[in-house]
Amino acid sequence: ITGSPYDIDGSYLERVDWQYLQHSYVDLRNVLVKCDGNGAVMPVFEWGECYIKQRSPITDVPVCYSTEALKYAQTSGFFAIVIGQYANLIAVKTKKLSVYYQGFANYMLPVGLGSELILTVLLAYLLPIQRAFGTRDVIFSHFGITAMPFAMLCLIYDEVRKYMIRNAKAPSAHKPNWWVRNYSY
């Protein structure tokens, strides 16, 4: 056994498939092993304790230590991208005016945000769509919460940039300041 995870079934080796459901029952702690040269088998790395007690609705196996963990991680990454899109939408709403002064006067903005949220939740929690797209029902702590600090950083950076565009001193009355020249898009 070299380099890749294999499912040992009787007398032959079969490569573990991470993308489809055919090997979702396999406990990866028994598959990701290496030979030490003396005939003993040892794990490739030390497995940590699983704190998420969740079973997959598709395969009815525990999520930890299975290929199902990849599906949950991909769905969590999808939610993180959506949260990043929310922050980007709010950040690029105006060129110079702060969100504090502009507000959300555009009535289509909440409709767009709401429809994106509904679509995201349907993709993750509706069972036929889960089967079609390979998404899974994530718990709240995996619901893109890890993207929140980056979204906040994006918003803070953009508010500081807009403040500097509005308030930095220009070299003359007929020329824009450095921030307007270099950071207006």
N, C-alpha and C. Protein backbone atom coordinates (compact mmCIF):
# COMPACT_ATOMS: atom_id res chain seq x y z
N ILE A 1 0.87 -1.17 0.00
CA ILE A 1 0.00 0.00 0.00
C ILE A 1 0.91 1.22 0.00
N THR A 2 0.83 2.02 -1.02
CA THR A 2 1.70 3.19 -1.09
C THR A 2 0.92 4.43 -1.45
N GLY A 3 1.12 5.49 -0.69
CA GLY A 3 0.70 6.82 -1.09
C GLY A 3 -0.77 7.18 -1.03
N SER A 4 -1.69 6.30 -1.26
CA SER A 4 -3.10 6.66 -1.37
C SER A 4 -3.95 5.80 -0.45
N PRO A 5 -5.12 6.31 -0.07
CA PRO A 5 -6.00 5.49 0.76
C PRO A 5 -6.67 4.40 -0.07
N TYR A 6 -6.68 3.20 0.47
CA TYR A 6 -7.30 2.06 -0.20
C TYR A 6 -8.26 1.37 0.76
N ASP A 7 -9.31 0.77 0.23
CA ASP A 7 -10.24 -0.02 1.01
C ASP A 7 -9.82 -1.48 0.86
N ILE A 8 -9.48 -2.10 1.98
CA ILE A 8 -9.04 -3.49 1.95
C ILE A 8 -10.28 -4.36 2.08
N ASP A 9 -10.59 -5.12 1.04
CA ASP A 9 -11.77 -5.98 1.04
C ASP A 9 -11.34 -7.38 0.62
N GLY A 10 -11.10 -8.24 1.60
CA GLY A 10 -10.71 -9.61 1.27
C GLY A 10 -9.31 -9.68 0.70
N SER A 11 -9.20 -10.13 -0.53
CA SER A 11 -7.90 -10.36 -1.11
C SER A 11 -7.47 -9.28 -2.10
N TYR A 12 -8.26 -8.23 -2.28
CA TYR A 12 -7.85 -7.21 -3.23
C TYR A 12 -8.00 -5.82 -2.61
N LEU A 13 -7.29 -4.88 -3.18
CA LEU A 13 -7.34 -3.49 -2.73
C LEU A 13 -8.22 -2.68 -3.68
N GLU A 14 -9.02 -1.82 -3.11
CA GLU A 14 -9.86 -0.95 -3.92
C GLU A 14 -9.66 0.48 -3.45
N ARG A 15 -9.42 1.37 -4.38
CA ARG A 15 -9.18 2.77 -4.05
C ARG A 15 -10.46 3.41 -3.50
N VAL A 16 -10.34 4.15 -2.39
CA VAL A 16 -11.50 4.79 -1.77
C VAL A 16 -11.92 5.99 -2.61
N ASP A 17 -13.20 6.02 -2.94
CA ASP A 17 -13.76 7.10 -3.75
C ASP A 17 -14.33 8.18 -2.82
N TRP A 18 -13.77 9.39 -2.88
CA TRP A 18 -14.20 10.48 -2.01
C TRP A 18 -15.37 11.25 -2.60
N GLN A 19 -15.60 11.15 -3.88
CA GLN A 19 -16.60 11.99 -4.53
C GLN A 19 -18.00 11.38 -4.48
N TYR A 20 -18.12 10.12 -4.73
CA TYR A 20 -19.43 9.49 -4.80
C TYR A 20 -19.71 8.71 -3.52
N LEU A 21 -20.86 8.08 -3.42
CA LEU A 21 -21.31 7.48 -2.17
C LEU A 21 -20.91 6.02 -1.98
N GLN A 22 -20.21 5.43 -2.94
CA GLN A 22 -19.97 4.00 -2.86
C GLN A 22 -19.07 3.60 -1.69
N HIS A 23 -18.21 4.50 -1.20
CA HIS A 23 -17.35 4.17 -0.07
C HIS A 23 -17.65 5.02 1.16
N SER A 24 -18.85 5.54 1.26
CA SER A 24 -19.17 6.39 2.40
C SER A 24 -19.27 5.61 3.70
N TYR A 25 -19.41 4.31 3.63
CA TYR A 25 -19.48 3.47 4.83
C TYR A 25 -18.10 3.17 5.42
N VAL A 26 -17.04 3.46 4.69
CA VAL A 26 -15.69 3.10 5.10
C VAL A 26 -15.22 4.01 6.23
N ASP A 27 -14.69 3.42 7.29
CA ASP A 27 -14.08 4.18 8.38
C ASP A 27 -12.64 4.49 7.96
N LEU A 28 -12.35 5.76 7.74
CA LEU A 28 -11.04 6.14 7.21
C LEU A 28 -9.90 5.87 8.18
N ARG A 29 -10.20 5.69 9.45
CA ARG A 29 -9.14 5.34 10.42
C ARG A 29 -8.57 3.96 10.12
N ASN A 30 -9.36 3.10 9.48
CA ASN A 30 -8.88 1.76 9.13
C ASN A 30 -8.27 1.71 7.74
N VAL A 31 -8.41 2.77 6.99
CA VAL A 31 -7.94 2.77 5.60
C VAL A 31 -6.66 3.57 5.42
N LEU A 32 -6.57 4.71 6.08
CA LEU A 32 -5.38 5.55 5.94
C LEU A 32 -4.29 5.04 6.87
N VAL A 33 -3.64 3.97 6.45
CA VAL A 33 -2.61 3.32 7.24
C VAL A 33 -1.36 3.14 6.39
N LYS A 34 -0.26 2.86 7.06
CA LYS A 34 0.99 2.57 6.34
C LYS A 34 1.68 1.41 7.03
N CYS A 35 2.46 0.70 6.27
CA CYS A 35 3.23 -0.41 6.81
C CYS A 35 4.53 0.13 7.37
N ASP A 36 4.94 -0.40 8.53
CA ASP A 36 6.18 0.09 9.13
C ASP A 36 7.41 -0.67 8.67
N GLY A 37 7.25 -1.63 7.80
CA GLY A 37 8.38 -2.40 7.28
C GLY A 37 8.58 -3.72 7.96
N ASN A 38 7.98 -3.89 9.13
CA ASN A 38 8.10 -5.15 9.87
C ASN A 38 6.81 -5.95 9.85
N GLY A 39 5.90 -5.59 8.98
CA GLY A 39 4.64 -6.30 8.87
C GLY A 39 3.52 -5.71 9.70
N ALA A 40 3.82 -4.70 10.50
CA ALA A 40 2.78 -4.06 11.31
C ALA A 40 2.19 -2.87 10.54
N VAL A 41 0.94 -2.61 10.82
CA VAL A 41 0.25 -1.50 10.17
C VAL A 41 -0.01 -0.42 11.22
N MET A 42 0.29 0.82 10.87
CA MET A 42 0.07 1.94 11.79
C MET A 42 -0.63 3.08 11.05
N PRO A 43 -1.34 3.93 11.78
CA PRO A 43 -2.05 5.03 11.11
C PRO A 43 -1.08 6.03 10.50
N VAL A 44 -1.53 6.67 9.42
CA VAL A 44 -0.69 7.66 8.74
C VAL A 44 -0.50 8.88 9.64
N PHE A 45 -1.51 9.25 10.38
CA PHE A 45 -1.42 10.37 11.33
C PHE A 45 -2.33 10.08 12.51
N GLU A 46 -2.17 10.85 13.56
CA GLU A 46 -2.95 10.66 14.78
C GLU A 46 -4.34 11.27 14.59
N TRP A 47 -5.38 10.48 14.80
CA TRP A 47 -6.75 10.94 14.66
C TRP A 47 -7.19 11.62 15.94
N GLY A 48 -7.83 12.77 15.82
CA GLY A 48 -8.37 13.47 16.97
C GLY A 48 -9.74 12.93 17.33
N GLU A 49 -10.25 13.43 18.46
CA GLU A 49 -11.58 13.01 18.89
C GLU A 49 -12.64 13.74 18.08
N CYS A 50 -13.71 13.08 17.76
CA CYS A 50 -14.81 13.68 17.01
C CYS A 50 -15.79 14.33 17.98
N TYR A 51 -16.00 15.61 17.84
CA TYR A 51 -16.93 16.33 18.72
C TYR A 51 -18.29 16.55 18.07
N ILE A 52 -18.42 16.25 16.81
CA ILE A 52 -19.68 16.42 16.10
C ILE A 52 -20.39 15.07 16.07
N LYS A 53 -21.46 14.97 16.79
CA LYS A 53 -22.24 13.72 16.83
C LYS A 53 -23.39 13.85 15.85
N GLN A 54 -23.11 13.61 14.59
CA GLN A 54 -24.11 13.79 13.54
C GLN A 54 -24.03 12.62 12.57
N ARG A 55 -25.19 12.18 12.11
CA ARG A 55 -25.27 11.12 11.10
C ARG A 55 -25.76 11.74 9.80
N SER A 56 -25.22 11.25 8.71
CA SER A 56 -25.61 11.75 7.40
C SER A 56 -27.03 11.28 7.04
N PRO A 57 -27.88 12.17 6.54
CA PRO A 57 -29.22 11.72 6.13
C PRO A 57 -29.20 10.90 4.83
N ILE A 58 -28.13 10.98 4.10
CA ILE A 58 -28.03 10.26 2.82
C ILE A 58 -27.59 8.82 3.06
N THR A 59 -26.52 8.64 3.82
CA THR A 59 -25.94 7.31 3.98
C THR A 59 -26.18 6.70 5.36
N ASP A 60 -26.66 7.46 6.31
CA ASP A 60 -26.92 7.03 7.68
C ASP A 60 -25.66 6.49 8.36
N VAL A 61 -24.52 7.10 8.08
CA VAL A 61 -23.28 6.78 8.78
C VAL A 61 -22.82 8.03 9.54
N PRO A 62 -22.05 7.86 10.62
CA PRO A 62 -21.52 9.04 11.31
C PRO A 62 -20.63 9.85 10.37
N VAL A 63 -20.68 11.15 10.55
CA VAL A 63 -19.96 12.03 9.65
C VAL A 63 -18.45 11.95 9.85
N CYS A 64 -18.03 11.91 11.10
CA CYS A 64 -16.59 11.88 11.38
C CYS A 64 -15.96 10.60 10.85
N TYR A 65 -14.74 10.74 10.38
CA TYR A 65 -13.92 9.62 9.92
C TYR A 65 -14.52 8.90 8.71
N SER A 66 -15.34 9.57 7.93
CA SER A 66 -15.88 8.97 6.71
C SER A 66 -15.72 9.96 5.57
N THR A 67 -15.97 9.49 4.36
CA THR A 67 -15.88 10.39 3.21
C THR A 67 -17.01 11.42 3.22
N GLU A 68 -18.02 11.22 4.07
CA GLU A 68 -19.10 12.19 4.21
C GLU A 68 -18.58 13.51 4.76
N ALA A 69 -17.50 13.48 5.51
CA ALA A 69 -16.93 14.70 6.09
C ALA A 69 -16.56 15.70 5.00
N LEU A 70 -16.12 15.20 3.85
CA LEU A 70 -15.79 16.08 2.73
C LEU A 70 -17.02 16.81 2.23
N LYS A 71 -18.16 16.13 2.15
CA LYS A 71 -19.40 16.77 1.69
C LYS A 71 -19.83 17.87 2.65
N TYR A 72 -19.69 17.62 3.96
CA TYR A 72 -20.04 18.63 4.95
C TYR A 72 -19.09 19.82 4.87
N ALA A 73 -17.83 19.56 4.66
CA ALA A 73 -16.85 20.64 4.54
C ALA A 73 -17.11 21.49 3.30
N GLN A 74 -17.47 20.85 2.19
CA GLN A 74 -17.78 21.59 0.97
C GLN A 74 -19.02 22.45 1.15
N THR A 75 -20.03 21.94 1.84
CA THR A 75 -21.24 22.73 2.09
C THR A 75 -20.93 23.90 3.00
N SER A 76 -20.11 23.69 4.00
CA SER A 76 -19.71 24.78 4.89
C SER A 76 -18.92 25.84 4.12
N GLY A 77 -18.06 25.42 3.21
CA GLY A 77 -17.34 26.36 2.36
C GLY A 77 -18.27 27.14 1.46
N PHE A 78 -19.31 26.49 0.98
CA PHE A 78 -20.32 27.18 0.16
C PHE A 78 -21.01 28.29 0.95
N PHE A 79 -21.37 27.99 2.20
CA PHE A 79 -21.98 29.02 3.05
C PHE A 79 -21.00 30.16 3.32
N ALA A 80 -19.73 29.85 3.49
CA ALA A 80 -18.73 30.89 3.70
C ALA A 80 -18.61 31.81 2.49
N ILE A 81 -18.70 31.25 1.30
CA ILE A 81 -18.66 32.06 0.08
C ILE A 81 -19.87 33.00 0.02
N VAL A 82 -21.03 32.51 0.40
CA VAL A 82 -22.24 33.33 0.39
C VAL A 82 -22.11 34.48 1.39
N ILE A 83 -21.57 34.21 2.57
CA ILE A 83 -21.37 35.28 3.56
C ILE A 83 -20.36 36.30 3.03
N GLY A 84 -19.33 35.84 2.35
CA GLY A 84 -18.38 36.76 1.72
C GLY A 84 -19.04 37.60 0.65
N GLN A 85 -19.98 37.03 -0.08
CA GLN A 85 -20.71 37.80 -1.09
C GLN A 85 -21.58 38.86 -0.44
N TYR A 86 -22.19 38.54 0.70
CA TYR A 86 -22.98 39.54 1.43
C TYR A 86 -22.11 40.73 1.81
N ALA A 87 -20.94 40.46 2.38
CA ALA A 87 -20.04 41.54 2.79
C ALA A 87 -19.58 42.34 1.59
N ASN A 88 -19.27 41.68 0.49
CA ASN A 88 -18.83 42.38 -0.71
C ASN A 88 -19.95 43.25 -1.28
N LEU A 89 -21.17 42.76 -1.24
CA LEU A 89 -22.30 43.54 -1.74
C LEU A 89 -22.47 44.83 -0.95
N ILE A 90 -22.37 44.72 0.37
CA ILE A 90 -22.51 45.91 1.20
C ILE A 90 -21.33 46.85 1.00
N ALA A 91 -20.13 46.30 0.80
CA ALA A 91 -18.93 47.12 0.65
C ALA A 91 -18.92 47.90 -0.66
N VAL A 92 -19.34 47.31 -1.75
CA VAL A 92 -19.25 47.99 -3.04
C VAL A 92 -20.55 48.69 -3.43
N LYS A 93 -21.43 48.85 -2.48
CA LYS A 93 -22.72 49.49 -2.76
C LYS A 93 -22.54 50.93 -3.22
N THR A 94 -21.63 51.65 -2.61
CA THR A 94 -21.34 53.02 -3.01
C THR A 94 -19.86 53.19 -3.25
N LYS A 95 -19.52 54.23 -3.98
CA LYS A 95 -18.12 54.47 -4.29
C LYS A 95 -17.42 55.26 -3.17
N LYS A 96 -18.12 56.26 -2.62
CA LYS A 96 -17.50 57.10 -1.60
C LYS A 96 -18.30 57.20 -0.31
N LEU A 97 -19.59 57.00 -0.38
CA LEU A 97 -20.44 57.22 0.78
C LEU A 97 -20.45 55.98 1.69
N SER A 98 -20.42 56.23 2.98
CA SER A 98 -20.42 55.14 3.95
C SER A 98 -21.78 54.45 3.99
N VAL A 99 -21.78 53.20 4.39
CA VAL A 99 -23.03 52.46 4.56
C VAL A 99 -23.88 53.12 5.64
N TYR A 100 -23.22 53.73 6.62
CA TYR A 100 -23.93 54.40 7.70
C TYR A 100 -24.81 55.53 7.15
N TYR A 101 -24.31 56.29 6.19
CA TYR A 101 -25.08 57.40 5.60
C TYR A 101 -26.00 56.94 4.48
N GLN A 102 -25.58 55.96 3.72
CA GLN A 102 -26.36 55.51 2.58
C GLN A 102 -27.57 54.69 3.02
N GLY A 103 -27.35 53.76 3.95
CA GLY A 103 -28.43 52.90 4.40
C GLY A 103 -28.78 51.85 3.35
N PHE A 104 -29.97 51.30 3.47
CA PHE A 104 -30.44 50.28 2.54
C PHE A 104 -31.71 50.76 1.86
N ALA A 105 -31.63 51.92 1.22
CA ALA A 105 -32.80 52.52 0.58
C ALA A 105 -33.23 51.75 -0.67
N ASN A 106 -32.32 51.02 -1.27
CA ASN A 106 -32.64 50.23 -2.46
C ASN A 106 -33.50 49.05 -2.03
N TYR A 107 -34.76 49.03 -2.40
CA TYR A 107 -35.66 47.99 -1.93
C TYR A 107 -35.36 46.62 -2.55
N MET A 108 -34.64 46.56 -3.64
CA MET A 108 -34.31 45.28 -4.26
C MET A 108 -33.13 44.59 -3.56
N LEU A 109 -32.34 45.34 -2.81
CA LEU A 109 -31.21 44.75 -2.12
C LEU A 109 -31.64 43.70 -1.09
N PRO A 110 -32.57 44.01 -0.19
CA PRO A 110 -33.02 42.95 0.73
C PRO A 110 -33.70 41.78 0.02
N VAL A 111 -34.36 42.05 -1.09
CA VAL A 111 -34.97 40.96 -1.86
C VAL A 111 -33.88 40.04 -2.41
N GLY A 112 -32.82 40.61 -2.94
CA GLY A 112 -31.71 39.81 -3.45
C GLY A 112 -31.01 39.03 -2.37
N LEU A 113 -30.76 39.69 -1.22
CA LEU A 113 -30.12 39.00 -0.10
C LEU A 113 -31.00 37.87 0.42
N GLY A 114 -32.29 38.14 0.55
CA GLY A 114 -33.21 37.12 1.03
C GLY A 114 -33.32 35.94 0.08
N SER A 115 -33.38 36.22 -1.22
CA SER A 115 -33.49 35.12 -2.18
C SER A 115 -32.22 34.28 -2.20
N GLU A 116 -31.07 34.93 -2.04
CA GLU A 116 -29.81 34.17 -1.98
C GLU A 116 -29.77 33.29 -0.72
N LEU A 117 -30.25 33.83 0.39
CA LEU A 117 -30.28 33.05 1.62
C LEU A 117 -31.24 31.86 1.49
N ILE A 118 -32.41 32.09 0.92
CA ILE A 118 -33.37 31.00 0.73
C ILE A 118 -32.81 29.92 -0.19
N LEU A 119 -32.18 30.33 -1.27
CA LEU A 119 -31.57 29.37 -2.19
C LEU A 119 -30.46 28.57 -1.51
N THR A 120 -29.66 29.24 -0.71
CA THR A 120 -28.58 28.57 0.00
C THR A 120 -29.12 27.53 0.98
N VAL A 121 -30.15 27.91 1.73
CA VAL A 121 -30.74 26.98 2.70
C VAL A 121 -31.40 25.81 1.98
N LEU A 122 -32.08 26.08 0.86
CA LEU A 122 -32.69 24.98 0.11
C LEU A 122 -31.63 24.01 -0.43
N LEU A 123 -30.51 24.55 -0.90
CA LEU A 123 -29.45 23.70 -1.41
C LEU A 123 -28.86 22.80 -0.32
N ALA A 124 -28.88 23.28 0.91
CA ALA A 124 -28.25 22.51 1.98
C ALA A 124 -29.22 21.60 2.72
N TYR A 125 -30.49 21.93 2.76
CA TYR A 125 -31.38 21.19 3.65
C TYR A 125 -32.51 20.43 2.96
N LEU A 126 -32.73 20.63 1.70
CA LEU A 126 -33.78 19.89 1.00
C LEU A 126 -33.18 18.59 0.45
N LEU A 127 -33.70 17.46 0.88
CA LEU A 127 -33.09 16.17 0.60
C LEU A 127 -32.91 15.86 -0.90
N PRO A 128 -33.90 16.11 -1.78
CA PRO A 128 -33.65 15.83 -3.20
C PRO A 128 -32.53 16.69 -3.79
N ILE A 129 -32.44 17.91 -3.33
CA ILE A 129 -31.36 18.78 -3.82
C ILE A 129 -30.02 18.35 -3.24
N GLN A 130 -30.03 17.86 -2.00
CA GLN A 130 -28.80 17.32 -1.42
C GLN A 130 -28.27 16.16 -2.26
N ARG A 131 -29.16 15.30 -2.67
CA ARG A 131 -28.74 14.16 -3.49
C ARG A 131 -28.21 14.61 -4.85
N ALA A 132 -28.84 15.62 -5.43
CA ALA A 132 -28.44 16.07 -6.78
C ALA A 132 -27.10 16.81 -6.76
N PHE A 133 -26.88 17.68 -5.76
CA PHE A 133 -25.69 18.52 -5.75
C PHE A 133 -24.61 18.05 -4.78
N GLY A 134 -24.89 17.04 -3.97
CA GLY A 134 -23.89 16.54 -3.04
C GLY A 134 -23.69 17.42 -1.82
N THR A 135 -24.68 18.25 -1.47
CA THR A 135 -24.57 19.07 -0.27
C THR A 135 -25.07 18.29 0.93
N ARG A 136 -24.82 18.82 2.12
CA ARG A 136 -25.26 18.17 3.35
C ARG A 136 -25.83 19.23 4.29
N ASP A 137 -26.59 18.77 5.28
CA ASP A 137 -27.20 19.67 6.26
C ASP A 137 -26.20 19.97 7.37
N VAL A 138 -25.59 21.12 7.31
CA VAL A 138 -24.56 21.49 8.28
C VAL A 138 -25.19 22.01 9.56
N ILE A 139 -24.44 21.89 10.65
CA ILE A 139 -24.91 22.43 11.92
C ILE A 139 -24.54 23.92 11.97
N PHE A 140 -25.06 24.64 12.96
CA PHE A 140 -24.91 26.09 13.01
C PHE A 140 -23.45 26.53 13.05
N SER A 141 -22.62 25.82 13.79
CA SER A 141 -21.22 26.25 13.89
C SER A 141 -20.47 26.08 12.57
N HIS A 142 -21.01 25.31 11.64
CA HIS A 142 -20.41 25.17 10.32
C HIS A 142 -21.13 25.99 9.25
N PHE A 143 -22.07 26.79 9.67
CA PHE A 143 -22.92 27.54 8.74
C PHE A 143 -22.20 28.80 8.24
N GLY A 144 -20.95 28.67 7.85
CA GLY A 144 -20.20 29.81 7.33
C GLY A 144 -19.73 30.76 8.39
N ILE A 145 -19.82 30.38 9.67
CA ILE A 145 -19.42 31.26 10.76
C ILE A 145 -17.93 31.58 10.68
N THR A 146 -17.15 30.68 10.16
CA THR A 146 -15.71 30.93 10.04
C THR A 146 -15.41 32.04 9.05
N ALA A 147 -16.35 32.38 8.19
CA ALA A 147 -16.14 33.46 7.22
C ALA A 147 -16.45 34.83 7.81
N MET A 148 -17.09 34.87 8.97
CA MET A 148 -17.49 36.16 9.56
C MET A 148 -16.31 37.10 9.82
N PRO A 149 -15.19 36.65 10.41
CA PRO A 149 -14.09 37.61 10.60
C PRO A 149 -13.58 38.21 9.29
N PHE A 150 -13.53 37.41 8.24
CA PHE A 150 -13.05 37.91 6.96
C PHE A 150 -14.06 38.88 6.34
N ALA A 151 -15.35 38.61 6.53
CA ALA A 151 -16.38 39.52 6.04
C ALA A 151 -16.31 40.84 6.78
N MET A 152 -16.12 40.78 8.09
CA MET A 152 -16.00 42.01 8.87
C MET A 152 -14.75 42.79 8.47
N LEU A 153 -13.65 42.08 8.24
CA LEU A 153 -12.42 42.74 7.79
C LEU A 153 -12.64 43.44 6.45
N CYS A 154 -13.35 42.79 5.55
CA CYS A 154 -13.67 43.39 4.25
C CYS A 154 -14.49 44.68 4.43
N LEU A 155 -15.48 44.64 5.30
CA LEU A 155 -16.32 45.82 5.53
C LEU A 155 -15.54 46.94 6.19
N ILE A 156 -14.72 46.61 7.18
CA ILE A 156 -13.92 47.64 7.86
C ILE A 156 -12.92 48.26 6.91
N TYR A 157 -12.24 47.45 6.12
CA TYR A 157 -11.29 47.98 5.15
C TYR A 157 -11.99 48.93 4.17
N ASP A 158 -13.14 48.54 3.68
CA ASP A 158 -13.82 49.37 2.70
C ASP A 158 -14.35 50.67 3.32
N GLU A 159 -14.79 50.62 4.57
CA GLU A 159 -15.25 51.84 5.23
C GLU A 159 -14.08 52.80 5.47
N VAL A 160 -12.92 52.26 5.84
CA VAL A 160 -11.73 53.12 6.02
C VAL A 160 -11.32 53.71 4.68
N ARG A 161 -11.36 52.91 3.63
CA ARG A 161 -11.02 53.41 2.29
C ARG A 161 -11.96 54.53 1.87
N LYS A 162 -13.25 54.37 2.08
CA LYS A 162 -14.21 55.40 1.72
C LYS A 162 -14.02 56.66 2.56
N TYR A 163 -13.69 56.49 3.84
CA TYR A 163 -13.43 57.64 4.70
C TYR A 163 -12.23 58.43 4.16
N MET A 164 -11.17 57.73 3.78
CA MET A 164 -9.98 58.41 3.26
C MET A 164 -10.28 59.06 1.91
N ILE A 165 -11.09 58.47 1.08
CA ILE A 165 -11.46 59.10 -0.19
C ILE A 165 -12.21 60.40 0.06
N ARG A 166 -13.09 60.41 1.05
CA ARG A 166 -13.88 61.62 1.34
C ARG A 166 -13.07 62.70 2.04
N ASN A 167 -12.13 62.33 2.91
CA ASN A 167 -11.54 63.31 3.81
C ASN A 167 -10.05 63.59 3.62
N ALA A 168 -9.35 62.86 2.78
CA ALA A 168 -7.93 63.14 2.59
C ALA A 168 -7.75 64.46 1.85
N LYS A 169 -6.65 65.11 2.15
CA LYS A 169 -6.38 66.43 1.57
C LYS A 169 -5.87 66.29 0.14
N ALA A 170 -6.41 67.09 -0.76
CA ALA A 170 -6.00 67.08 -2.16
C ALA A 170 -4.81 68.00 -2.35
N PRO A 171 -3.92 67.72 -3.34
CA PRO A 171 -2.75 68.59 -3.57
C PRO A 171 -3.15 70.00 -4.02
N SER A 172 -4.25 70.10 -4.75
CA SER A 172 -4.77 71.41 -5.16
C SER A 172 -6.27 71.29 -5.33
N ALA A 173 -6.91 72.40 -5.55
CA ALA A 173 -8.37 72.40 -5.66
C ALA A 173 -8.86 71.70 -6.92
N HIS A 174 -8.02 71.62 -7.94
CA HIS A 174 -8.45 71.03 -9.22
C HIS A 174 -8.00 69.59 -9.40
N LYS A 175 -7.29 69.04 -8.43
CA LYS A 175 -6.80 67.66 -8.55
C LYS A 175 -7.40 66.82 -7.43
N PRO A 176 -7.67 65.55 -7.73
CA PRO A 176 -8.19 64.68 -6.68
C PRO A 176 -7.07 64.25 -5.72
N ASN A 177 -7.47 63.84 -4.54
CA ASN A 177 -6.46 63.39 -3.57
C ASN A 177 -5.93 62.02 -3.98
N TRP A 178 -4.90 61.57 -3.26
CA TRP A 178 -4.23 60.32 -3.60
C TRP A 178 -5.18 59.14 -3.51
N TRP A 179 -6.06 59.09 -2.54
CA TRP A 179 -7.00 57.99 -2.35
C TRP A 179 -8.00 57.91 -3.49
N VAL A 180 -8.46 59.05 -3.97
CA VAL A 180 -9.40 59.05 -5.10
C VAL A 180 -8.71 58.55 -6.35
N ARG A 181 -7.48 58.97 -6.57
CA ARG A 181 -6.74 58.55 -7.77
C ARG A 181 -6.43 57.06 -7.76
N ASN A 182 -6.08 56.51 -6.61
CA ASN A 182 -5.59 55.15 -6.56
C ASN A 182 -6.59 54.10 -6.06
N TYR A 183 -7.62 54.54 -5.37
CA TYR A 183 -8.54 53.56 -4.79
C TYR A 183 -9.98 53.75 -5.19
N SER A 184 -10.25 54.55 -6.18
CA SER A 184 -11.60 54.60 -6.74
C SER A 184 -11.64 53.65 -7.91
N TYR A 185 -12.66 52.89 -8.00
CA TYR A 185 -12.73 51.88 -9.05
C TYR A 185 -13.66 52.30 -10.13
